[in-house]
Amino acid sequence: MLNRNLPTKLAAGLAALALACVLSAAPQTVPDGPGVTVDTGGAVMHRTSVTYPDAARAANIQGTVTLEVTLDATGNAADTRVLSGPIELRRAAQQAVLQWHFTMDAGSTRQVKIQFQLPEKMAPTGNTTKVTITPRPAAIAGKRLAQISLNGMSDAMRADLLARLPIHEGDTVADDTLDQVRAVAQKADEHINVGYGLIASGEARIILSMPGASTAPAPANGAKRITIGGNVQQAKLVSQTRPTYPPDAKAARIQGVVQLSAIIGKDGNVINLAVISGHPLLIQSAIEAVRTWTYQVTLLNGEPVEVQTQIDVNYTLSQ
């Protein structure tokens, strides 16, 4: 017996299927973090939200990160390349975009723009006391620059960068020197990492490195150097000044780990420090404390040697 309702049911089913396809292909609306505005550069099947990095916010860093995104055959983000934007904001942008899935209606690449905008005024919430954070200048500001280290580069690139840098060995580091150095480095090659640290004399060191290159300075006068893990070297501590918790960081309830790359001299004293990571409000305190630490002398075949190691300085609000 012919089912007179079959055409009607079939039409309804096809309509539902068509609606489902339209909905699945529609761009997804995702709530991003406060201060973040995203231009996806095209329709997105699904994406994760983008959050404002705490360290960048605390350091009053804002701006727009522009990425070129390469898609695979199904529309997933397979790779990203930074076209422009503050260095401190790039990682957050790239890590988010690499989890996105685009539609494939406009080629195999997209240009994505992510704007990070600091709020003009931060209002207190609930019973929380409003805290105004004034970031300290970098730990090397006001110090004499003793070393500029350029790692993993050709001789020609080193010479070109040294000629373009706004500061030279022997000059005094200003509050905005690192920002100027980063701008020059990015113009030369967007992959160059810029770091800084203190040497044993308390003078400053600026480090420009290609990805994967060692940031440790070469041993002086042919000295021997070995690498020892942080936990092993920590057991050799003889004298350890406890870092002072910065009052502004404590007031803002900021905690975390500052990671430092350290060179321990043949006499057990810290002769070089470089920043690996850490909150801007905690870094200076960590450097000032660690540069006074002393260790047992390390021997290799009965002779004192330098040691390269990593030092982690933990800051917890229970301190």
C-alpha atoms as a PDB file:
ATOM      1  CA  MET A   1       0.000   0.000   0.000  1.00  0.00           C
ATOM      2  CA  LEU A   2       1.390   3.404  -1.009  1.00  0.00           C
ATOM      3  CA  ASN A   3       2.242   5.613   1.954  1.00  0.00           C
ATOM      4  CA  ARG A   4       0.848   9.034   1.031  1.00  0.00           C
ATOM      5  CA  ASN A   5       2.974  10.647   3.772  1.00  0.00           C
ATOM      6  CA  LEU A   6       6.279   9.413   2.258  1.00  0.00           C
ATOM      7  CA  PRO A   7       6.946  12.461   0.023  1.00  0.00           C
ATOM      8  CA  THR A   8       6.211  14.767   2.936  1.00  0.00           C
ATOM      9  CA  LYS A   9       8.515  12.841   5.306  1.00  0.00           C
ATOM     10  CA  LEU A  10      11.239  12.672   2.663  1.00  0.00           C
ATOM     11  CA  ALA A  11      11.052  16.408   2.057  1.00  0.00           C
ATOM     12  CA  ALA A  12      11.186  17.113   5.774  1.00  0.00           C
ATOM     13  CA  GLY A  13      14.211  14.850   6.192  1.00  0.00           C
ATOM     14  CA  LEU A  14      16.059  16.523   3.332  1.00  0.00           C
ATOM     15  CA  ALA A  15      15.270  19.938   4.746  1.00  0.00           C
ATOM     16  CA  ALA A  16      16.603  18.925   8.157  1.00  0.00           C
ATOM     17  CA  LEU A  17      19.760  17.533   6.577  1.00  0.00           C
ATOM     18  CA  ALA A  18      20.299  20.726   4.601  1.00  0.00           C
ATOM     19  CA  LEU A  19      19.800  22.837   7.735  1.00  0.00           C
ATOM     20  CA  ALA A  20      22.316  20.699   9.646  1.00  0.00           C
ATOM     21  CA  CYS A  21      24.885  21.168   6.882  1.00  0.00           C
ATOM     22  CA  VAL A  22      24.356  24.922   6.887  1.00  0.00           C
ATOM     23  CA  LEU A  23      24.700  25.085  10.672  1.00  0.00           C
ATOM     24  CA  SER A  24      27.867  22.949  10.688  1.00  0.00           C
ATOM     25  CA  ALA A  25      29.475  25.231   8.116  1.00  0.00           C
ATOM     26  CA  ALA A  26      28.452  28.458   9.838  1.00  0.00           C
ATOM     27  CA  PRO A  27      31.205  30.457  11.546  1.00  0.00           C
ATOM     28  CA  GLN A  28      31.446  29.729  15.252  1.00  0.00           C
ATOM     29  CA  THR A  29      31.066  32.497  17.807  1.00  0.00           C
ATOM     30  CA  VAL A  30      33.517  32.046  20.665  1.00  0.00           C
ATOM     31  CA  PRO A  31      33.913  34.307  23.723  1.00  0.00           C
ATOM     32  CA  ASP A  32      37.530  35.439  23.869  1.00  0.00           C
ATOM     33  CA  GLY A  33      39.335  36.768  26.920  1.00  0.00           C
ATOM     34  CA  PRO A  34      38.860  40.361  28.101  1.00  0.00           C
ATOM     35  CA  GLY A  35      40.641  42.808  25.828  1.00  0.00           C
ATOM     36  CA  VAL A  36      40.965  40.320  22.938  1.00  0.00           C
ATOM     37  CA  THR A  37      39.383  40.924  19.521  1.00  0.00           C
ATOM     38  CA  VAL A  38      39.747  38.301  16.785  1.00  0.00           C
ATOM     39  CA  ASP A  39      39.514  38.669  13.012  1.00  0.00           C
ATOM     40  CA  THR A  40      39.633  35.072  11.732  1.00  0.00           C
ATOM     41  CA  GLY A  41      40.150  36.110   8.110  1.00  0.00           C
ATOM     42  CA  GLY A  42      37.472  33.691   6.949  1.00  0.00           C
ATOM     43  CA  ALA A  43      34.800  31.261   8.088  1.00  0.00           C
ATOM     44  CA  VAL A  44      35.757  28.925  10.935  1.00  0.00           C
ATOM     45  CA  MET A  45      34.134  25.563  11.590  1.00  0.00           C
ATOM     46  CA  HIS A  46      35.283  25.645  15.202  1.00  0.00           C
ATOM     47  CA  ARG A  47      37.974  27.399  17.211  1.00  0.00           C
ATOM     48  CA  THR A  48      39.272  27.839  20.726  1.00  0.00           C
ATOM     49  CA  SER A  49      39.126  31.165  22.538  1.00  0.00           C
ATOM     50  CA  VAL A  50      42.141  33.465  22.796  1.00  0.00           C
ATOM     51  CA  THR A  51      43.231  34.737  26.211  1.00  0.00           C
ATOM     52  CA  TYR A  52      45.415  37.715  27.115  1.00  0.00           C
ATOM     53  CA  PRO A  53      48.753  36.478  28.566  1.00  0.00           C
ATOM     54  CA  ASP A  54      48.996  37.518  32.227  1.00  0.00           C
ATOM     55  CA  ALA A  55      52.652  38.503  31.930  1.00  0.00           C
ATOM     56  CA  ALA A  56      51.989  40.758  28.937  1.00  0.00           C
ATOM     57  CA  ARG A  57      49.001  42.374  30.644  1.00  0.00           C
ATOM     58  CA  ALA A  58      51.019  43.030  33.802  1.00  0.00           C
ATOM     59  CA  ALA A  59      53.779  44.620  31.719  1.00  0.00           C
ATOM     60  CA  ASN A  60      51.246  46.883  29.936  1.00  0.00           C
ATOM     61  CA  ILE A  61      51.976  45.280  26.557  1.00  0.00           C
ATOM     62  CA  GLN A  62      49.271  45.548  23.924  1.00  0.00           C
ATOM     63  CA  GLY A  63      48.990  45.429  20.149  1.00  0.00           C
ATOM     64  CA  THR A  64      47.813  43.325  17.207  1.00  0.00           C
ATOM     65  CA  VAL A  65      49.386  40.018  16.198  1.00  0.00           C
ATOM     66  CA  THR A  66      48.973  39.203  12.506  1.00  0.00           C
ATOM     67  CA  LEU A  67      49.457  35.565  11.502  1.00  0.00           C
ATOM     68  CA  GLU A  68      49.577  33.747   8.190  1.00  0.00           C
ATOM     69  CA  VAL A  69      47.913  30.381   8.767  1.00  0.00           C
ATOM     70  CA  THR A  70      48.536  27.370   6.523  1.00  0.00           C
ATOM     71  CA  LEU A  71      45.681  24.850   6.338  1.00  0.00           C
ATOM     72  CA  ASP A  72      45.804  21.133   5.665  1.00  0.00           C
ATOM     73  CA  ALA A  73      43.493  19.341   3.232  1.00  0.00           C
ATOM     74  CA  THR A  74      40.591  19.344   5.705  1.00  0.00           C
ATOM     75  CA  GLY A  75      40.881  22.949   6.897  1.00  0.00           C
ATOM     76  CA  ASN A  76      42.790  22.368  10.129  1.00  0.00           C
ATOM     77  CA  ALA A  77      45.516  24.890  10.953  1.00  0.00           C
ATOM     78  CA  ALA A  78      48.757  23.050  10.185  1.00  0.00           C
ATOM     79  CA  ASP A  79      51.241  25.891  10.632  1.00  0.00           C
ATOM     80  CA  THR A  80      51.420  29.592  11.501  1.00  0.00           C
ATOM     81  CA  ARG A  81      53.868  32.343  10.601  1.00  0.00           C
ATOM     82  CA  VAL A  82      54.012  35.650  12.452  1.00  0.00           C
ATOM     83  CA  LEU A  83      53.796  38.631  10.118  1.00  0.00           C
ATOM     84  CA  SER A  84      53.807  41.296  12.823  1.00  0.00           C
ATOM     85  CA  GLY A  85      52.969  41.994  16.456  1.00  0.00           C
ATOM     86  CA  PRO A  86      54.547  42.291  19.922  1.00  0.00           C
ATOM     87  CA  ILE A  87      56.807  39.351  20.740  1.00  0.00           C
ATOM     88  CA  GLU A  88      55.214  38.880  24.176  1.00  0.00           C
ATOM     89  CA  LEU A  89      51.800  38.249  22.572  1.00  0.00           C
ATOM     90  CA  ARG A  90      52.782  35.989  19.680  1.00  0.00           C
ATOM     91  CA  ARG A  91      52.900  32.655  21.481  1.00  0.00           C
ATOM     92  CA  ALA A  92      49.369  33.025  22.897  1.00  0.00           C
ATOM     93  CA  ALA A  93      48.058  33.867  19.428  1.00  0.00           C
ATOM     94  CA  GLN A  94      49.842  31.011  17.678  1.00  0.00           C
ATOM     95  CA  GLN A  95      48.975  28.376  20.281  1.00  0.00           C
ATOM     96  CA  ALA A  96      45.291  29.257  19.984  1.00  0.00           C
ATOM     97  CA  VAL A  97      45.147  29.412  16.178  1.00  0.00           C
ATOM     98  CA  LEU A  98      46.871  26.046  15.753  1.00  0.00           C
ATOM     99  CA  GLN A  99      43.767  24.445  17.295  1.00  0.00           C
ATOM    100  CA  TRP A 100      41.337  26.047  14.826  1.00  0.00           C
ATOM    101  CA  HIS A 101      39.451  24.385  11.954  1.00  0.00           C
ATOM    102  CA  PHE A 102      38.615  26.625   8.984  1.00  0.00           C
ATOM    103  CA  THR A 103      36.254  26.094   6.060  1.00  0.00           C
ATOM    104  CA  MET A 104      37.977  25.327   2.759  1.00  0.00           C
ATOM    105  CA  ASP A 105      36.130  27.833   0.566  1.00  0.00           C
ATOM    106  CA  ALA A 106      38.976  30.329   0.081  1.00  0.00           C
ATOM    107  CA  GLY A 107      42.249  28.513  -0.489  1.00  0.00           C
ATOM    108  CA  SER A 108      44.870  26.931   1.754  1.00  0.00           C
ATOM    109  CA  THR A 109      45.994  29.980   3.749  1.00  0.00           C
ATOM    110  CA  ARG A 110      44.363  32.563   5.989  1.00  0.00           C
ATOM    111  CA  GLN A 111      45.513  35.819   7.492  1.00  0.00           C
ATOM    112  CA  VAL A 112      44.344  36.101  11.096  1.00  0.00           C
ATOM    113  CA  LYS A 113      44.549  39.266  13.193  1.00  0.00           C
ATOM    114  CA  ILE A 114      44.273  39.134  16.976  1.00  0.00           C
ATOM    115  CA  GLN A 115      44.157  42.424  18.850  1.00  0.00           C
ATOM    116  CA  PHE A 116      45.168  42.603  22.509  1.00  0.00           C
ATOM    117  CA  GLN A 117      43.910  45.833  24.071  1.00  0.00           C
ATOM    118  CA  LEU A 118      44.526  46.828  27.685  1.00  0.00           C
ATOM    119  CA  PRO A 119      41.438  48.145  29.487  1.00  0.00           C
ATOM    120  CA  GLU A 120      41.525  51.876  30.170  1.00  0.00           C
ATOM    121  CA  LYS A 121      40.291  51.287  33.668  1.00  0.00           C
ATOM    122  CA  MET A 122      40.141  48.111  35.713  1.00  0.00           C
ATOM    123  CA  ALA A 123      37.190  48.224  38.040  1.00  0.00           C
ATOM    124  CA  PRO A 124      37.161  46.186  41.276  1.00  0.00           C
ATOM    125  CA  THR A 125      34.878  43.167  41.429  1.00  0.00           C
ATOM    126  CA  GLY A 126      32.999  42.097  44.539  1.00  0.00           C
ATOM    127  CA  ASN A 127      35.020  42.826  47.652  1.00  0.00           C
ATOM    128  CA  THR A 128      38.343  42.731  45.816  1.00  0.00           C
ATOM    129  CA  THR A 129      40.572  45.730  46.388  1.00  0.00           C
ATOM    130  CA  LYS A 130      41.674  47.442  43.200  1.00  0.00           C
ATOM    131  CA  VAL A 131      45.400  47.085  42.588  1.00  0.00           C
ATOM    132  CA  THR A 132      47.314  49.316  40.191  1.00  0.00           C
ATOM    133  CA  ILE A 133      50.441  47.585  38.902  1.00  0.00           C
ATOM    134  CA  THR A 134      53.396  49.648  37.747  1.00  0.00           C
ATOM    135  CA  PRO A 135      55.823  47.142  36.211  1.00  0.00           C
ATOM    136  CA  ARG A 136      59.423  47.519  37.240  1.00  0.00           C
ATOM    137  CA  PRO A 137      61.876  48.150  34.442  1.00  0.00           C
ATOM    138  CA  ALA A 138      63.909  45.164  33.315  1.00  0.00           C
ATOM    139  CA  ALA A 139      66.475  43.961  35.825  1.00  0.00           C
ATOM    140  CA  ILE A 140      69.242  45.383  33.624  1.00  0.00           C
ATOM    141  CA  ALA A 141      67.850  48.919  33.285  1.00  0.00           C
ATOM    142  CA  GLY A 142      70.360  51.520  34.488  1.00  0.00           C
ATOM    143  CA  LYS A 143      73.255  49.070  34.353  1.00  0.00           C
ATOM    144  CA  ARG A 144      76.334  49.134  32.131  1.00  0.00           C
ATOM    145  CA  LEU A 145      76.087  46.736  29.190  1.00  0.00           C
ATOM    146  CA  ALA A 146      79.132  44.482  29.382  1.00  0.00           C
ATOM    147  CA  GLN A 147      78.198  41.860  26.762  1.00  0.00           C
ATOM    148  CA  ILE A 148      76.088  41.467  23.641  1.00  0.00           C
ATOM    149  CA  SER A 149      75.842  37.784  22.696  1.00  0.00           C
ATOM    150  CA  LEU A 150      74.643  36.771  19.217  1.00  0.00           C
ATOM    151  CA  ASN A 151      74.116  33.019  18.900  1.00  0.00           C
ATOM    152  CA  GLY A 152      73.387  30.693  15.992  1.00  0.00           C
ATOM    153  CA  MET A 153      73.989  33.355  13.305  1.00  0.00           C
ATOM    154  CA  SER A 154      76.375  33.799  10.418  1.00  0.00           C
ATOM    155  CA  ASP A 155      79.242  36.260  10.722  1.00  0.00           C
ATOM    156  CA  ALA A 156      77.548  38.567   8.213  1.00  0.00           C
ATOM    157  CA  MET A 157      74.295  38.563  10.162  1.00  0.00           C
ATOM    158  CA  ARG A 158      76.132  39.250  13.431  1.00  0.00           C
ATOM    159  CA  ALA A 159      77.953  42.217  11.920  1.00  0.00           C
ATOM    160  CA  ASP A 160      74.754  43.626  10.420  1.00  0.00           C
ATOM    161  CA  LEU A 161      72.841  43.325  13.707  1.00  0.00           C
ATOM    162  CA  LEU A 162      75.621  44.878  15.783  1.00  0.00           C
ATOM    163  CA  ALA A 163      75.694  47.845  13.416  1.00  0.00           C
ATOM    164  CA  ARG A 164      71.923  48.332  13.703  1.00  0.00           C
ATOM    165  CA  LEU A 165      71.463  47.865  17.447  1.00  0.00           C
ATOM    166  CA  PRO A 166      70.578  51.026  19.423  1.00  0.00           C
ATOM    167  CA  ILE A 167      73.069  50.127  22.164  1.00  0.00           C
ATOM    168  CA  HIS A 168      76.657  48.923  22.287  1.00  0.00           C
ATOM    169  CA  GLU A 169      78.905  47.345  24.879  1.00  0.00           C
ATOM    170  CA  GLY A 170      79.892  49.967  27.426  1.00  0.00           C
ATOM    171  CA  ASP A 171      76.615  51.933  27.120  1.00  0.00           C
ATOM    172  CA  THR A 172      74.039  52.227  29.905  1.00  0.00           C
ATOM    173  CA  VAL A 173      70.803  50.253  29.455  1.00  0.00           C
ATOM    174  CA  ALA A 174      67.649  52.387  29.402  1.00  0.00           C
ATOM    175  CA  ASP A 175      64.114  51.285  30.345  1.00  0.00           C
ATOM    176  CA  ASP A 176      63.120  50.919  26.682  1.00  0.00           C
ATOM    177  CA  THR A 177      66.396  49.451  25.368  1.00  0.00           C
ATOM    178  CA  LEU A 178      65.085  45.878  25.164  1.00  0.00           C
ATOM    179  CA  ASP A 179      62.017  46.993  23.206  1.00  0.00           C
ATOM    180  CA  GLN A 180      64.262  48.797  20.725  1.00  0.00           C
ATOM    181  CA  VAL A 181      66.544  45.761  20.438  1.00  0.00           C
ATOM    182  CA  ARG A 182      63.548  43.476  19.812  1.00  0.00           C
ATOM    183  CA  ALA A 183      62.317  45.779  17.036  1.00  0.00           C
ATOM    184  CA  VAL A 184      65.694  45.662  15.280  1.00  0.00           C
ATOM    185  CA  ALA A 185      65.955  41.877  15.726  1.00  0.00           C
ATOM    186  CA  GLN A 186      62.458  41.264  14.365  1.00  0.00           C
ATOM    187  CA  LYS A 187      63.227  43.365  11.305  1.00  0.00           C
ATOM    188  CA  ALA A 188      66.311  41.255  10.632  1.00  0.00           C
ATOM    189  CA  ASP A 189      64.612  37.887  11.281  1.00  0.00           C
ATOM    190  CA  GLU A 190      61.305  37.310  13.056  1.00  0.00           C
ATOM    191  CA  HIS A 191      62.637  34.112  14.646  1.00  0.00           C
ATOM    192  CA  ILE A 192      65.361  35.791  16.700  1.00  0.00           C
ATOM    193  CA  ASN A 193      64.827  35.495  20.455  1.00  0.00           C
ATOM    194  CA  VAL A 194      65.930  38.388  22.672  1.00  0.00           C
ATOM    195  CA  GLY A 195      66.927  37.748  26.281  1.00  0.00           C
ATOM    196  CA  TYR A 196      68.979  39.413  28.974  1.00  0.00           C
ATOM    197  CA  GLY A 197      70.844  38.693  32.177  1.00  0.00           C
ATOM    198  CA  LEU A 198      73.593  39.758  34.570  1.00  0.00           C
ATOM    199  CA  ILE A 199      77.208  38.689  34.719  1.00  0.00           C
ATOM    200  CA  ALA A 200      79.219  38.204  37.902  1.00  0.00           C
ATOM    201  CA  SER A 201      80.181  41.889  38.127  1.00  0.00           C
ATOM    202  CA  GLY A 202      76.507  42.874  38.201  1.00  0.00           C
ATOM    203  CA  GLU A 203      76.719  44.370  34.725  1.00  0.00           C
ATOM    204  CA  ALA A 204      74.207  43.619  31.997  1.00  0.00           C
ATOM    205  CA  ARG A 205      74.217  41.135  29.155  1.00  0.00           C
ATOM    206  CA  ILE A 206      71.838  41.138  26.158  1.00  0.00           C
ATOM    207  CA  ILE A 207      71.377  37.904  24.207  1.00  0.00           C
ATOM    208  CA  LEU A 208      70.082  37.521  20.642  1.00  0.00           C
ATOM    209  CA  SER A 209      69.682  33.898  19.559  1.00  0.00           C
ATOM    210  CA  MET A 210      68.266  31.938  16.689  1.00  0.00           C
ATOM    211  CA  PRO A 211      65.916  29.093  17.769  1.00  0.00           C
ATOM    212  CA  GLY A 212      67.846  26.150  19.182  1.00  0.00           C
ATOM    213  CA  ALA A 213      71.094  28.061  19.652  1.00  0.00           C
ATOM    214  CA  SER A 214      72.792  27.994  23.039  1.00  0.00           C
ATOM    215  CA  THR A 215      72.496  31.235  25.027  1.00  0.00           C
ATOM    216  CA  ALA A 216      75.472  30.467  27.258  1.00  0.00           C
ATOM    217  CA  PRO A 217      78.636  32.508  26.641  1.00  0.00           C
ATOM    218  CA  ALA A 218      81.736  30.574  25.645  1.00  0.00           C
ATOM    219  CA  PRO A 219      84.068  29.634  28.501  1.00  0.00           C
ATOM    220  CA  ALA A 220      86.768  32.237  29.081  1.00  0.00           C
ATOM    221  CA  ASN A 221      90.485  31.487  28.697  1.00  0.00           C
ATOM    222  CA  GLY A 222      89.872  27.944  27.496  1.00  0.00           C
ATOM    223  CA  ALA A 223      88.107  26.913  30.712  1.00  0.00           C
ATOM    224  CA  LYS A 224      86.281  23.574  30.714  1.00  0.00           C
ATOM    225  CA  ARG A 225      82.520  23.503  31.227  1.00  0.00           C
ATOM    226  CA  ILE A 226      80.011  20.723  31.850  1.00  0.00           C
ATOM    227  CA  THR A 227      76.218  20.720  32.009  1.00  0.00           C
ATOM    228  CA  ILE A 228      74.496  19.525  35.190  1.00  0.00           C
ATOM    229  CA  GLY A 229      70.765  19.225  35.813  1.00  0.00           C
ATOM    230  CA  GLY A 230      69.106  21.761  38.080  1.00  0.00           C
ATOM    231  CA  ASN A 231      68.134  19.265  40.800  1.00  0.00           C
ATOM    232  CA  VAL A 232      71.653  17.826  41.009  1.00  0.00           C
ATOM    233  CA  GLN A 233      73.303  21.227  41.132  1.00  0.00           C
ATOM    234  CA  GLN A 234      70.845  22.446  43.767  1.00  0.00           C
ATOM    235  CA  ALA A 235      72.195  19.811  46.155  1.00  0.00           C
ATOM    236  CA  LYS A 236      75.601  21.508  45.912  1.00  0.00           C
ATOM    237  CA  LEU A 237      74.393  24.856  47.247  1.00  0.00           C
ATOM    238  CA  VAL A 238      76.598  26.284  49.988  1.00  0.00           C
ATOM    239  CA  SER A 239      75.043  29.720  50.409  1.00  0.00           C
ATOM    240  CA  GLN A 240      71.557  30.692  49.223  1.00  0.00           C
ATOM    241  CA  THR A 241      70.060  34.158  49.670  1.00  0.00           C
ATOM    242  CA  ARG A 242      66.297  33.929  49.851  1.00  0.00           C
ATOM    243  CA  PRO A 243      64.590  36.084  47.181  1.00  0.00           C
ATOM    244  CA  THR A 244      62.417  38.939  48.417  1.00  0.00           C
ATOM    245  CA  TYR A 245      58.819  38.661  47.251  1.00  0.00           C
ATOM    246  CA  PRO A 246      58.141  41.928  45.336  1.00  0.00           C
ATOM    247  CA  PRO A 247      55.362  43.823  47.188  1.00  0.00           C
ATOM    248  CA  ASP A 248      53.556  44.799  43.964  1.00  0.00           C
ATOM    249  CA  ALA A 249      53.516  41.161  42.798  1.00  0.00           C
ATOM    250  CA  LYS A 250      52.208  39.984  46.150  1.00  0.00           C
ATOM    251  CA  ALA A 251      49.528  42.683  46.201  1.00  0.00           C
ATOM    252  CA  ALA A 252      48.385  41.556  42.751  1.00  0.00           C
ATOM    253  CA  ARG A 253      48.472  37.911  43.954  1.00  0.00           C
ATOM    254  CA  ILE A 254      51.012  36.957  41.296  1.00  0.00           C
ATOM    255  CA  GLN A 255      52.947  33.754  41.849  1.00  0.00           C
ATOM    256  CA  GLY A 256      54.888  31.335  39.704  1.00  0.00           C
ATOM    257  CA  VAL A 257      58.364  30.175  38.714  1.00  0.00           C
ATOM    258  CA  VAL A 258      61.244  32.218  37.321  1.00  0.00           C
ATOM    259  CA  GLN A 259      63.559  30.014  35.257  1.00  0.00           C
ATOM    260  CA  LEU A 260      67.159  31.141  34.845  1.00  0.00           C
ATOM    261  CA  SER A 261      70.039  29.737  32.812  1.00  0.00           C
ATOM    262  CA  ALA A 262      73.154  29.968  34.965  1.00  0.00           C
ATOM    263  CA  ILE A 263      76.902  29.544  34.586  1.00  0.00           C
ATOM    264  CA  ILE A 264      78.642  28.580  37.831  1.00  0.00           C
ATOM    265  CA  GLY A 265      82.320  29.529  37.830  1.00  0.00           C
ATOM    266  CA  LYS A 266      85.210  27.257  38.767  1.00  0.00           C
ATOM    267  CA  ASP A 267      85.173  28.805  42.249  1.00  0.00           C
ATOM    268  CA  GLY A 268      81.471  28.017  42.814  1.00  0.00           C
ATOM    269  CA  ASN A 269      80.204  31.566  42.291  1.00  0.00           C
ATOM    270  CA  VAL A 270      77.492  32.491  39.798  1.00  0.00           C
ATOM    271  CA  ILE A 271      79.227  34.271  36.927  1.00  0.00           C
ATOM    272  CA  ASN A 272      76.393  34.553  34.404  1.00  0.00           C
ATOM    273  CA  LEU A 273      72.591  34.523  34.446  1.00  0.00           C
ATOM    274  CA  ALA A 274      70.064  34.673  31.618  1.00  0.00           C
ATOM    275  CA  VAL A 275      66.270  34.726  31.836  1.00  0.00           C
ATOM    276  CA  ILE A 276      64.422  31.755  30.350  1.00  0.00           C
ATOM    277  CA  SER A 277      60.921  32.583  31.559  1.00  0.00           C
ATOM    278  CA  GLY A 278      58.999  34.141  34.410  1.00  0.00           C
ATOM    279  CA  HIS A 279      56.548  36.878  35.308  1.00  0.00           C
ATOM    280  CA  PRO A 280      58.006  40.368  34.705  1.00  0.00           C
ATOM    281  CA  LEU A 281      57.230  41.438  38.276  1.00  0.00           C
ATOM    282  CA  LEU A 282      59.219  38.489  39.703  1.00  0.00           C
ATOM    283  CA  ILE A 283      62.287  38.342  37.447  1.00  0.00           C
ATOM    284  CA  GLN A 284      64.357  41.129  38.970  1.00  0.00           C
ATOM    285  CA  SER A 285      63.967  39.760  42.496  1.00  0.00           C
ATOM    286  CA  ALA A 286      65.065  36.292  41.346  1.00  0.00           C
ATOM    287  CA  ILE A 287      68.145  37.573  39.529  1.00  0.00           C
ATOM    288  CA  GLU A 288      69.265  39.763  42.438  1.00  0.00           C
ATOM    289  CA  ALA A 289      69.095  36.816  44.834  1.00  0.00           C
ATOM    290  CA  VAL A 290      70.544  34.063  42.636  1.00  0.00           C
ATOM    291  CA  ARG A 291      73.608  36.060  41.552  1.00  0.00           C
ATOM    292  CA  THR A 292      74.794  35.945  45.206  1.00  0.00           C
ATOM    293  CA  TRP A 293      74.470  32.155  45.570  1.00  0.00           C
ATOM    294  CA  THR A 294      77.562  29.972  45.946  1.00  0.00           C
ATOM    295  CA  TYR A 295      78.050  26.280  45.229  1.00  0.00           C
ATOM    296  CA  GLN A 296      80.554  23.567  45.973  1.00  0.00           C
ATOM    297  CA  VAL A 297      83.376  23.469  43.447  1.00  0.00           C
ATOM    298  CA  THR A 298      82.736  20.902  40.699  1.00  0.00           C
ATOM    299  CA  LEU A 299      85.709  18.760  39.704  1.00  0.00           C
ATOM    300  CA  LEU A 300      86.353  16.927  36.448  1.00  0.00           C
ATOM    301  CA  ASN A 301      89.367  14.604  36.550  1.00  0.00           C
ATOM    302  CA  GLY A 302      90.437  16.444  39.676  1.00  0.00           C
ATOM    303  CA  GLU A 303      90.292  19.917  38.050  1.00  0.00           C
ATOM    304  CA  PRO A 304      87.691  22.638  38.814  1.00  0.00           C
ATOM    305  CA  VAL A 305      85.301  23.276  35.903  1.00  0.00           C
ATOM    306  CA  GLU A 306      82.500  25.666  35.074  1.00  0.00           C
ATOM    307  CA  VAL A 307      78.947  24.350  35.265  1.00  0.00           C
ATOM    308  CA  GLN A 308      75.985  25.253  33.085  1.00  0.00           C
ATOM    309  CA  THR A 309      72.653  24.605  34.789  1.00  0.00           C
ATOM    310  CA  GLN A 310      69.069  25.776  35.156  1.00  0.00           C
ATOM    311  CA  ILE A 311      67.832  27.421  38.345  1.00  0.00           C
ATOM    312  CA  ASP A 312      64.115  27.607  39.143  1.00  0.00           C
ATOM    313  CA  VAL A 313      62.988  30.196  41.693  1.00  0.00           C
ATOM    314  CA  ASN A 314      59.490  29.554  43.028  1.00  0.00           C
ATOM    315  CA  TYR A 315      57.232  32.310  44.295  1.00  0.00           C
ATOM    316  CA  THR A 316      54.102  31.260  46.186  1.00  0.00           C
ATOM    317  CA  LEU A 317      51.746  33.516  48.077  1.00  0.00           C
ATOM    318  CA  SER A 318      52.220  31.417  51.212  1.00  0.00           C
ATOM    319  CA  GLN A 319      55.779  32.777  51.492  1.00  0.00           C
END
